Amino acid sequence: VNLVESGGGLVQAGGSLRLSCVASGRTFSVDAMAWFRQAPGKEREFVASISKSDGSAYYTDSVKGRFTISSDNAQNTVYLQMNSLKPEDTAVYYCVSDPLTSAQGMGVMTASGLAHLQYWGQGTQVIVSS
């Protein structure tokens, strides 16, 4: 599975961005899609995940109520709508998937477990200025 992200950029605090992730290849082999992020000097962290089959979505506490993950299965695309952005949201955002990990499972994965997630995009930079 190949994942390609887009939609990052520079935005002022309080603004919005929508990230997109287009999947290609053996997309039928994966159900869970997720967004992770990595800020400078910090470990990669979970942001949100979704099950393509039933639409169940999970979020880290810091983005609940501000970010929305959605999936367009016909287009093999996952979106992350980010509203009310804060400077602390500045990071490289990665689209991630794995055939053996559920959407819920991605939400509770430890930093050391991330290495086992099979498919990663190249990342898209989000910068939120204060």
N, C-alpha and C. Protein backbone atom coordinates (compact mmCIF):
# COMPACT_ATOMS: atom_id res chain seq x y z
N VAL A 1 0.85 -1.19 0.00
CA VAL A 1 0.00 0.00 0.00
C VAL A 1 0.89 1.24 0.00
N ASN A 2 0.61 2.14 -0.93
CA ASN A 2 1.35 3.39 -1.02
C ASN A 2 0.44 4.52 -0.54
N LEU A 3 0.98 5.37 0.35
CA LEU A 3 0.19 6.47 0.93
C LEU A 3 0.84 7.79 0.56
N VAL A 4 0.05 8.72 0.05
CA VAL A 4 0.56 10.02 -0.34
C VAL A 4 -0.29 11.11 0.30
N GLU A 5 0.35 11.91 1.16
CA GLU A 5 -0.35 12.99 1.85
C GLU A 5 -0.22 14.31 1.09
N SER A 6 -1.17 15.18 1.33
CA SER A 6 -1.12 16.54 0.81
C SER A 6 -1.97 17.43 1.70
N GLY A 7 -1.81 18.74 1.50
CA GLY A 7 -2.67 19.67 2.21
C GLY A 7 -2.03 20.44 3.33
N GLY A 8 -0.79 20.12 3.65
CA GLY A 8 -0.12 20.87 4.70
C GLY A 8 0.22 22.28 4.26
N GLY A 9 0.68 23.07 5.22
CA GLY A 9 1.05 24.44 4.89
C GLY A 9 1.21 25.29 6.12
N LEU A 10 1.27 26.59 5.90
CA LEU A 10 1.41 27.57 6.97
C LEU A 10 0.07 28.25 7.20
N VAL A 11 -0.35 28.29 8.45
CA VAL A 11 -1.64 28.90 8.78
C VAL A 11 -1.52 29.61 10.12
N GLN A 12 -2.29 30.64 10.30
CA GLN A 12 -2.30 31.35 11.57
C GLN A 12 -3.11 30.59 12.62
N ALA A 13 -2.79 30.81 13.86
CA ALA A 13 -3.55 30.19 14.94
C ALA A 13 -5.03 30.54 14.79
N GLY A 14 -5.85 29.54 15.01
CA GLY A 14 -7.29 29.71 14.83
C GLY A 14 -7.78 29.34 13.45
N GLY A 15 -6.86 29.15 12.53
CA GLY A 15 -7.22 28.81 11.17
C GLY A 15 -7.49 27.33 10.97
N SER A 16 -7.70 26.95 9.71
CA SER A 16 -8.06 25.58 9.37
C SER A 16 -7.21 25.06 8.21
N LEU A 17 -7.02 23.77 8.19
CA LEU A 17 -6.39 23.06 7.08
C LEU A 17 -7.09 21.72 6.92
N ARG A 18 -7.07 21.20 5.70
CA ARG A 18 -7.56 19.84 5.48
C ARG A 18 -6.46 19.03 4.82
N LEU A 19 -6.05 17.99 5.50
CA LEU A 19 -5.06 17.07 4.96
C LEU A 19 -5.76 15.94 4.23
N SER A 20 -5.12 15.48 3.15
CA SER A 20 -5.64 14.35 2.39
C SER A 20 -4.58 13.27 2.30
N CYS A 21 -5.04 12.04 2.25
CA CYS A 21 -4.13 10.89 2.10
C CYS A 21 -4.76 9.95 1.08
N VAL A 22 -4.09 9.79 -0.04
CA VAL A 22 -4.57 8.90 -1.09
C VAL A 22 -3.80 7.59 -1.01
N ALA A 23 -4.54 6.50 -0.93
CA ALA A 23 -3.94 5.17 -0.84
C ALA A 23 -4.04 4.48 -2.19
N SER A 24 -2.99 3.74 -2.53
CA SER A 24 -3.00 2.96 -3.77
C SER A 24 -2.34 1.61 -3.49
N GLY A 25 -2.54 0.69 -4.41
CA GLY A 25 -1.99 -0.64 -4.22
C GLY A 25 -3.02 -1.57 -3.58
N ARG A 26 -2.59 -2.40 -2.66
CA ARG A 26 -3.47 -3.40 -2.03
C ARG A 26 -4.32 -2.77 -0.93
N THR A 27 -5.10 -1.80 -1.29
CA THR A 27 -5.88 -1.08 -0.29
C THR A 27 -6.95 -1.95 0.37
N PHE A 28 -7.32 -3.03 -0.31
CA PHE A 28 -8.32 -3.92 0.26
C PHE A 28 -7.79 -4.67 1.48
N SER A 29 -6.47 -4.67 1.64
CA SER A 29 -5.85 -5.44 2.72
C SER A 29 -5.84 -4.70 4.05
N VAL A 30 -6.22 -3.43 4.02
CA VAL A 30 -6.19 -2.66 5.26
C VAL A 30 -7.56 -2.04 5.53
N ASP A 31 -7.92 -2.00 6.82
CA ASP A 31 -9.17 -1.37 7.22
C ASP A 31 -8.92 -0.05 7.96
N ALA A 32 -7.95 -0.08 8.85
CA ALA A 32 -7.68 1.09 9.68
C ALA A 32 -6.73 2.05 8.97
N MET A 33 -7.10 3.31 9.01
CA MET A 33 -6.25 4.39 8.51
C MET A 33 -6.09 5.40 9.64
N ALA A 34 -4.91 6.00 9.72
CA ALA A 34 -4.66 6.91 10.84
C ALA A 34 -3.76 8.05 10.42
N TRP A 35 -3.80 9.08 11.26
CA TRP A 35 -2.86 10.19 11.16
C TRP A 35 -2.03 10.22 12.44
N PHE A 36 -0.73 10.29 12.25
CA PHE A 36 0.20 10.52 13.34
C PHE A 36 0.94 11.82 13.04
N ARG A 37 1.59 12.39 14.04
CA ARG A 37 2.36 13.61 13.81
C ARG A 37 3.64 13.57 14.64
N GLN A 38 4.60 14.34 14.18
CA GLN A 38 5.86 14.45 14.90
C GLN A 38 6.30 15.90 14.89
N ALA A 39 6.34 16.48 16.08
CA ALA A 39 6.81 17.85 16.24
C ALA A 39 8.33 17.83 16.42
N PRO A 40 9.00 18.95 16.15
CA PRO A 40 10.45 19.00 16.30
C PRO A 40 10.89 18.62 17.71
N GLY A 41 11.82 17.67 17.78
CA GLY A 41 12.35 17.26 19.07
C GLY A 41 11.46 16.35 19.88
N LYS A 42 10.35 15.93 19.29
CA LYS A 42 9.41 15.08 20.02
C LYS A 42 9.20 13.76 19.30
N GLU A 43 8.65 12.79 20.03
CA GLU A 43 8.33 11.50 19.42
C GLU A 43 7.07 11.61 18.56
N ARG A 44 6.96 10.68 17.64
CA ARG A 44 5.72 10.62 16.86
C ARG A 44 4.57 10.26 17.77
N GLU A 45 3.41 10.87 17.52
CA GLU A 45 2.25 10.61 18.36
C GLU A 45 1.00 10.43 17.51
N PHE A 46 0.08 9.67 18.08
CA PHE A 46 -1.21 9.41 17.44
C PHE A 46 -2.04 10.67 17.43
N VAL A 47 -2.75 10.91 16.31
CA VAL A 47 -3.67 12.03 16.21
C VAL A 47 -5.11 11.53 16.08
N ALA A 48 -5.36 10.70 15.07
CA ALA A 48 -6.71 10.22 14.82
C ALA A 48 -6.65 8.98 13.96
N SER A 49 -7.69 8.16 14.05
CA SER A 49 -7.77 6.97 13.21
C SER A 49 -9.23 6.70 12.87
N ILE A 50 -9.42 5.91 11.81
CA ILE A 50 -10.77 5.58 11.37
C ILE A 50 -10.78 4.18 10.78
N SER A 51 -11.89 3.48 11.01
CA SER A 51 -12.11 2.20 10.38
C SER A 51 -12.86 2.43 9.08
N LYS A 52 -12.31 1.97 7.96
CA LYS A 52 -12.97 2.17 6.67
C LYS A 52 -14.28 1.40 6.61
N SER A 53 -14.36 0.28 7.29
CA SER A 53 -15.54 -0.58 7.16
C SER A 53 -16.74 -0.06 7.93
N ASP A 54 -16.54 0.48 9.15
CA ASP A 54 -17.70 0.93 9.91
C ASP A 54 -17.66 2.39 10.31
N GLY A 55 -16.60 3.08 9.92
CA GLY A 55 -16.53 4.51 10.18
C GLY A 55 -16.20 4.91 11.59
N SER A 56 -15.89 3.95 12.44
CA SER A 56 -15.53 4.30 13.82
C SER A 56 -14.27 5.16 13.82
N ALA A 57 -14.30 6.22 14.60
CA ALA A 57 -13.18 7.17 14.62
C ALA A 57 -12.68 7.35 16.04
N TYR A 58 -11.39 7.60 16.16
CA TYR A 58 -10.75 7.77 17.46
C TYR A 58 -9.80 8.96 17.37
N TYR A 59 -9.70 9.67 18.50
CA TYR A 59 -8.89 10.89 18.52
C TYR A 59 -8.06 10.96 19.79
N THR A 60 -6.89 11.57 19.69
CA THR A 60 -6.16 11.91 20.90
C THR A 60 -6.87 13.08 21.57
N ASP A 61 -6.76 13.16 22.88
CA ASP A 61 -7.54 14.14 23.63
C ASP A 61 -7.28 15.57 23.17
N SER A 62 -6.06 15.88 22.80
CA SER A 62 -5.71 17.27 22.49
C SER A 62 -6.36 17.79 21.21
N VAL A 63 -6.91 16.92 20.38
CA VAL A 63 -7.54 17.38 19.13
C VAL A 63 -9.04 17.14 19.10
N LYS A 64 -9.58 16.51 20.12
CA LYS A 64 -11.02 16.24 20.15
C LYS A 64 -11.80 17.55 20.09
N GLY A 65 -12.82 17.56 19.23
CA GLY A 65 -13.62 18.76 19.06
C GLY A 65 -13.05 19.75 18.06
N ARG A 66 -11.79 19.54 17.64
CA ARG A 66 -11.17 20.44 16.67
C ARG A 66 -10.86 19.74 15.35
N PHE A 67 -10.46 18.49 15.42
CA PHE A 67 -10.09 17.73 14.22
C PHE A 67 -11.17 16.69 13.92
N THR A 68 -11.35 16.41 12.63
CA THR A 68 -12.28 15.37 12.20
C THR A 68 -11.63 14.52 11.13
N ILE A 69 -11.62 13.22 11.36
CA ILE A 69 -11.10 12.29 10.36
C ILE A 69 -12.27 11.68 9.60
N SER A 70 -12.10 11.52 8.29
CA SER A 70 -13.16 10.92 7.48
C SER A 70 -12.52 10.11 6.36
N SER A 71 -13.34 9.26 5.76
CA SER A 71 -12.84 8.37 4.72
C SER A 71 -13.78 8.34 3.54
N ASP A 72 -13.22 8.45 2.35
CA ASP A 72 -13.97 8.27 1.10
C ASP A 72 -13.46 6.98 0.49
N ASN A 73 -14.17 5.89 0.77
CA ASN A 73 -13.66 4.59 0.34
C ASN A 73 -13.62 4.45 -1.18
N ALA A 74 -14.54 5.07 -1.87
CA ALA A 74 -14.56 4.98 -3.33
C ALA A 74 -13.31 5.62 -3.94
N GLN A 75 -12.80 6.64 -3.27
CA GLN A 75 -11.62 7.35 -3.76
C GLN A 75 -10.35 6.89 -3.05
N ASN A 76 -10.48 5.93 -2.14
CA ASN A 76 -9.32 5.45 -1.37
C ASN A 76 -8.58 6.62 -0.72
N THR A 77 -9.35 7.53 -0.15
CA THR A 77 -8.78 8.74 0.42
C THR A 77 -9.28 8.93 1.85
N VAL A 78 -8.36 9.34 2.71
CA VAL A 78 -8.69 9.68 4.09
C VAL A 78 -8.35 11.16 4.29
N TYR A 79 -9.23 11.85 5.00
CA TYR A 79 -9.05 13.28 5.24
C TYR A 79 -8.87 13.54 6.73
N LEU A 80 -8.19 14.63 7.02
CA LEU A 80 -8.12 15.14 8.38
C LEU A 80 -8.44 16.63 8.32
N GLN A 81 -9.64 16.97 8.73
CA GLN A 81 -10.05 18.37 8.80
C GLN A 81 -9.59 18.93 10.13
N MET A 82 -8.77 19.96 10.08
CA MET A 82 -8.19 20.54 11.30
C MET A 82 -8.68 21.97 11.44
N ASN A 83 -9.46 22.22 12.47
CA ASN A 83 -9.99 23.55 12.76
C ASN A 83 -9.40 24.07 14.06
N SER A 84 -9.54 25.37 14.26
CA SER A 84 -9.05 26.02 15.49
C SER A 84 -7.62 25.59 15.80
N LEU A 85 -6.79 25.68 14.79
CA LEU A 85 -5.41 25.22 14.94
C LEU A 85 -4.65 26.06 15.95
N LYS A 86 -3.74 25.39 16.65
CA LYS A 86 -2.91 26.02 17.67
C LYS A 86 -1.43 25.85 17.30
N PRO A 87 -0.58 26.72 17.80
CA PRO A 87 0.86 26.55 17.51
C PRO A 87 1.38 25.17 17.88
N GLU A 88 0.82 24.58 18.93
CA GLU A 88 1.29 23.25 19.35
C GLU A 88 0.87 22.14 18.40
N ASP A 89 0.06 22.46 17.40
CA ASP A 89 -0.28 21.49 16.36
C ASP A 89 0.79 21.44 15.27
N THR A 90 1.76 22.34 15.35
CA THR A 90 2.83 22.34 14.36
C THR A 90 3.60 21.02 14.40
N ALA A 91 3.68 20.37 13.25
CA ALA A 91 4.32 19.06 13.17
C ALA A 91 4.31 18.59 11.72
N VAL A 92 5.04 17.51 11.49
CA VAL A 92 4.89 16.77 10.24
C VAL A 92 3.81 15.72 10.48
N TYR A 93 2.82 15.70 9.63
CA TYR A 93 1.68 14.79 9.77
C TYR A 93 1.85 13.63 8.79
N TYR A 94 1.71 12.42 9.32
CA TYR A 94 1.89 11.21 8.53
C TYR A 94 0.59 10.43 8.45
N CYS A 95 0.30 9.94 7.26
CA CYS A 95 -0.80 9.01 7.05
C CYS A 95 -0.25 7.60 7.24
N VAL A 96 -0.98 6.79 7.98
CA VAL A 96 -0.47 5.48 8.37
C VAL A 96 -1.55 4.42 8.22
N SER A 97 -1.12 3.23 7.85
CA SER A 97 -2.05 2.11 7.85
C SER A 97 -1.30 0.83 8.11
N ASP A 98 -2.03 -0.18 8.53
CA ASP A 98 -1.42 -1.47 8.83
C ASP A 98 -2.49 -2.54 8.73
N PRO A 99 -2.20 -3.66 8.08
CA PRO A 99 -3.22 -4.70 7.89
C PRO A 99 -3.59 -5.45 9.17
N LEU A 100 -2.77 -5.34 10.21
CA LEU A 100 -2.99 -6.15 11.41
C LEU A 100 -3.40 -5.33 12.63
N THR A 101 -3.56 -4.03 12.46
CA THR A 101 -3.88 -3.17 13.60
C THR A 101 -5.19 -2.46 13.36
N SER A 102 -6.06 -2.49 14.35
CA SER A 102 -7.36 -1.84 14.23
C SER A 102 -7.23 -0.34 14.43
N ALA A 103 -8.26 0.38 14.06
CA ALA A 103 -8.27 1.82 14.28
C ALA A 103 -8.17 2.13 15.77
N GLN A 104 -8.89 1.38 16.57
CA GLN A 104 -8.83 1.58 18.01
C GLN A 104 -7.44 1.24 18.54
N GLY A 105 -6.86 0.19 18.01
CA GLY A 105 -5.53 -0.23 18.44
C GLY A 105 -4.46 0.81 18.15
N MET A 106 -4.60 1.50 17.04
CA MET A 106 -3.63 2.55 16.70
C MET A 106 -3.70 3.67 17.73
N GLY A 107 -4.87 3.89 18.28
CA GLY A 107 -5.04 4.97 19.24
C GLY A 107 -4.37 4.73 20.58
N VAL A 108 -4.05 3.50 20.89
CA VAL A 108 -3.43 3.21 22.18
C VAL A 108 -2.03 2.65 22.02
N MET A 109 -1.47 2.79 20.83
CA MET A 109 -0.16 2.25 20.56
C MET A 109 0.93 3.10 21.22
N THR A 110 1.90 2.43 21.81
CA THR A 110 3.01 3.13 22.41
C THR A 110 3.99 3.58 21.32
N ALA A 111 4.89 4.48 21.69
CA ALA A 111 5.86 4.99 20.73
C ALA A 111 6.71 3.85 20.15
N SER A 112 7.06 2.89 20.99
CA SER A 112 7.89 1.78 20.51
C SER A 112 7.13 0.89 19.55
N GLY A 113 5.81 0.86 19.66
CA GLY A 113 5.01 0.02 18.78
C GLY A 113 4.83 0.59 17.39
N LEU A 114 5.10 1.89 17.23
CA LEU A 114 4.88 2.51 15.93
C LEU A 114 5.75 1.90 14.85
N ALA A 115 6.90 1.40 15.24
CA ALA A 115 7.81 0.81 14.26
C ALA A 115 7.20 -0.40 13.57
N HIS A 116 6.18 -0.99 14.18
CA HIS A 116 5.56 -2.18 13.61
C HIS A 116 4.45 -1.85 12.63
N LEU A 117 4.05 -0.59 12.56
CA LEU A 117 3.03 -0.20 11.59
C LEU A 117 3.64 -0.21 10.21
N GLN A 118 2.97 -0.88 9.28
CA GLN A 118 3.64 -1.25 8.03
C GLN A 118 3.71 -0.13 7.00
N TYR A 119 2.64 0.64 6.87
CA TYR A 119 2.58 1.60 5.77
C TYR A 119 2.57 3.04 6.30
N TRP A 120 3.51 3.83 5.82
CA TRP A 120 3.64 5.24 6.18
C TRP A 120 3.75 6.09 4.92
N GLY A 121 3.10 7.24 4.93
CA GLY A 121 3.32 8.21 3.87
C GLY A 121 4.60 8.98 4.13
N GLN A 122 4.90 9.90 3.24
CA GLN A 122 6.14 10.67 3.35
C GLN A 122 6.01 11.84 4.30
N GLY A 123 4.79 12.18 4.67
CA GLY A 123 4.54 13.26 5.62
C GLY A 123 4.26 14.58 4.93
N THR A 124 3.47 15.40 5.60
CA THR A 124 3.19 16.75 5.11
C THR A 124 3.33 17.71 6.28
N GLN A 125 4.01 18.82 6.05
CA GLN A 125 4.34 19.76 7.11
C GLN A 125 3.17 20.70 7.39
N VAL A 126 2.85 20.84 8.65
CA VAL A 126 1.85 21.82 9.10
C VAL A 126 2.55 22.77 10.07
N ILE A 127 2.46 24.06 9.78
CA ILE A 127 3.04 25.08 10.65
C ILE A 127 1.95 26.05 11.04
N VAL A 128 1.77 26.20 12.33
CA VAL A 128 0.74 27.11 12.85
C VAL A 128 1.46 28.25 13.56
N SER A 129 1.28 29.44 13.03
CA SER A 129 1.95 30.61 13.62
C SER A 129 1.04 31.27 14.65
N SER A 130 1.67 31.84 15.67
CA SER A 130 0.89 32.48 16.75
C SER A 130 0.62 33.94 16.45
